[in-house]
Amino acid sequence: MGLTTEIKDGLGTGNKVQVTRRGQLVVAPLGYSEPYYVAMTSNNTAYNLTGPQTGKRFVITGFIISADKSVGSDGSLIEVYEADAEDSTTVTKTVMTLQMQEKDNLPITPLNLIITEGVWLNAKMDDNNVYLTAMGYYIEA
């Protein structure tokens, strides 16, 4: 028989360290990232990356963004945001806004951004064509 111990934070919250079913002490991300890809080809249109799952929150671990040769000389303003519906262009919370020029490629990693429970993660832009991959995983809320 082994010795039973608990590792807790020192903040008085009662948070305990987790151990997986395989006996691994969790000291890193709680899941593996999945890719969520959208090809944004129409201006000011909502493109859905992820949707809500009951009792879960989405953790963004990275983005890969590229703009093709169709992007105009002023570039394309891209916004990734939380929304109340998968087809909504109304921003409830901005996650990221950036400008991409013609033929730009931008990997943004590593990230550890958490999305509000019960919302959609959408993106929109103001000049075509922009390709966006969000990477991340769901955790318990």
Protein backbone atom coordinates (compact mmCIF):
# COMPACT_ATOMS: atom_id res chain seq x y z
CA MET A 1 0.00 0.00 0.00
CA GLY A 2 1.25 3.43 -0.93
CA LEU A 3 1.23 6.68 0.97
CA THR A 4 -1.76 8.91 0.10
CA THR A 5 -0.79 12.57 -0.38
CA GLU A 6 -2.31 15.73 -1.81
CA ILE A 7 -0.58 18.64 -3.49
CA LYS A 8 -2.57 21.88 -3.18
CA ASP A 9 -1.93 25.47 -4.10
CA GLY A 10 -0.81 27.83 -1.36
CA LEU A 11 -3.57 30.36 -2.04
CA GLY A 12 -6.24 28.73 0.08
CA THR A 13 -8.44 27.87 -2.92
CA GLY A 14 -8.19 24.13 -2.36
CA ASN A 15 -7.04 23.52 -5.93
CA LYS A 16 -5.27 20.19 -6.17
CA VAL A 17 -2.79 18.85 -8.68
CA GLN A 18 -4.34 16.38 -11.11
CA VAL A 19 -3.12 12.91 -11.95
CA THR A 20 -4.30 11.34 -15.20
CA ARG A 21 -5.67 7.82 -15.58
CA ARG A 22 -2.18 6.83 -16.70
CA GLY A 23 -0.60 8.08 -13.48
CA GLN A 24 0.85 11.25 -15.06
CA LEU A 25 1.15 14.34 -12.88
CA VAL A 26 -0.41 17.17 -14.91
CA VAL A 27 2.06 20.03 -15.15
CA ALA A 28 1.30 21.00 -18.75
CA PRO A 29 -1.76 21.59 -20.96
CA LEU A 30 -4.68 19.33 -20.11
CA GLY A 31 -5.33 18.23 -23.67
CA TYR A 32 -4.02 17.94 -27.18
CA SER A 33 -4.77 20.70 -29.65
CA GLU A 34 -7.12 20.12 -32.56
CA PRO A 35 -7.08 22.37 -35.66
CA TYR A 36 -10.16 24.43 -36.59
CA TYR A 37 -9.80 25.92 -40.10
CA VAL A 38 -11.77 28.56 -41.99
CA ALA A 39 -11.21 30.09 -45.43
CA MET A 40 -12.47 33.67 -45.15
CA THR A 41 -13.47 34.65 -48.68
CA SER A 42 -16.25 37.22 -48.08
CA ASN A 43 -15.83 40.56 -46.33
CA ASN A 44 -17.61 41.24 -43.03
CA THR A 45 -18.98 37.71 -42.81
CA ALA A 46 -18.88 35.59 -39.64
CA TYR A 47 -16.75 32.45 -39.96
CA ASN A 48 -17.20 29.99 -37.12
CA LEU A 49 -14.15 28.25 -35.63
CA THR A 50 -15.64 26.50 -32.58
CA GLY A 51 -18.94 26.32 -30.78
CA PRO A 52 -20.02 25.85 -27.20
CA GLN A 53 -20.03 22.45 -25.54
CA THR A 54 -22.07 21.92 -22.38
CA GLY A 55 -19.95 22.41 -19.27
CA LYS A 56 -16.77 23.13 -21.25
CA ARG A 57 -14.53 26.05 -22.20
CA PHE A 58 -12.23 26.25 -25.21
CA VAL A 59 -8.50 26.90 -24.74
CA ILE A 60 -6.70 28.47 -27.72
CA THR A 61 -3.11 27.24 -28.07
CA GLY A 62 -2.25 28.93 -31.34
CA PHE A 63 -3.21 30.46 -34.67
CA ILE A 64 -1.85 30.16 -38.18
CA ILE A 65 -3.00 32.94 -40.49
CA SER A 66 -2.22 33.57 -44.12
CA ALA A 67 -3.41 36.11 -46.67
CA ASP A 68 -3.30 35.36 -50.38
CA LYS A 69 -2.52 37.60 -53.36
CA SER A 70 -6.17 38.82 -53.51
CA VAL A 71 -5.68 41.02 -50.42
CA GLY A 72 -5.67 44.67 -51.45
CA SER A 73 -2.91 47.22 -50.90
CA ASP A 74 -4.43 48.38 -47.59
CA GLY A 75 -4.28 44.84 -46.22
CA SER A 76 -7.00 42.91 -44.44
CA LEU A 77 -8.10 43.64 -40.87
CA ILE A 78 -8.84 40.33 -39.14
CA GLU A 79 -10.76 39.98 -35.91
CA VAL A 80 -11.18 36.79 -33.88
CA TYR A 81 -13.93 37.19 -31.32
CA GLU A 82 -16.50 35.60 -29.04
CA ALA A 83 -20.11 35.75 -30.27
CA ASP A 84 -23.57 34.64 -29.17
CA ALA A 85 -24.23 32.71 -32.41
CA GLU A 86 -22.16 30.90 -35.02
CA ASP A 87 -23.21 33.32 -37.78
CA SER A 88 -22.97 36.54 -35.73
CA THR A 89 -20.66 39.39 -36.70
CA THR A 90 -21.50 41.12 -33.39
CA VAL A 91 -18.46 40.97 -31.12
CA THR A 92 -19.17 40.18 -27.46
CA LYS A 93 -15.46 39.93 -26.61
CA THR A 94 -12.42 40.47 -28.85
CA VAL A 95 -9.80 37.73 -28.71
CA MET A 96 -7.40 39.18 -31.29
CA THR A 97 -7.30 41.86 -33.98
CA LEU A 98 -4.51 42.21 -36.53
CA GLN A 99 -3.72 43.48 -40.01
CA MET A 100 -2.43 41.13 -42.72
CA GLN A 101 -0.87 42.25 -45.98
CA GLU A 102 -0.88 40.43 -49.31
CA LYS A 103 0.89 37.03 -49.09
CA ASP A 104 1.58 37.42 -45.34
CA ASN A 105 1.88 34.27 -43.21
CA LEU A 106 1.77 34.48 -39.44
CA PRO A 107 2.02 31.65 -36.91
CA ILE A 108 1.07 32.74 -33.38
CA THR A 109 2.15 30.14 -30.81
CA PRO A 110 2.29 29.20 -28.01
CA LEU A 111 -0.88 30.67 -26.54
CA ASN A 112 -2.96 29.74 -23.53
CA LEU A 113 -6.16 31.77 -24.03
CA ILE A 114 -9.45 30.61 -22.54
CA ILE A 115 -12.80 31.33 -24.17
CA THR A 116 -15.95 32.07 -22.18
CA GLU A 117 -18.25 29.11 -21.59
CA GLY A 118 -21.32 28.98 -23.86
CA VAL A 119 -20.08 31.17 -26.72
CA TRP A 120 -18.95 30.68 -30.31
CA LEU A 121 -15.43 31.53 -31.46
CA ASN A 122 -15.81 33.42 -34.74
CA ALA A 123 -13.62 35.40 -37.10
CA LYS A 124 -14.21 38.06 -39.73
CA MET A 125 -12.11 40.22 -42.04
CA ASP A 126 -12.51 43.21 -44.33
CA ASP A 127 -10.61 42.09 -47.45
CA ASN A 128 -10.47 38.64 -49.04
CA ASN A 129 -8.87 36.03 -48.98
CA VAL A 130 -7.57 35.13 -45.56
CA TYR A 131 -7.07 31.61 -44.21
CA LEU A 132 -7.18 31.00 -40.47
CA THR A 133 -6.49 27.93 -38.38
CA ALA A 134 -7.13 28.09 -34.64
CA MET A 135 -5.65 25.34 -32.51
CA GLY A 136 -6.88 24.35 -29.10
CA TYR A 137 -8.84 21.99 -26.90
CA TYR A 138 -11.85 21.91 -24.58
CA ILE A 139 -11.60 21.69 -20.80
CA GLU A 140 -14.17 21.34 -18.03
CA ALA A 141 -15.69 24.72 -17.13
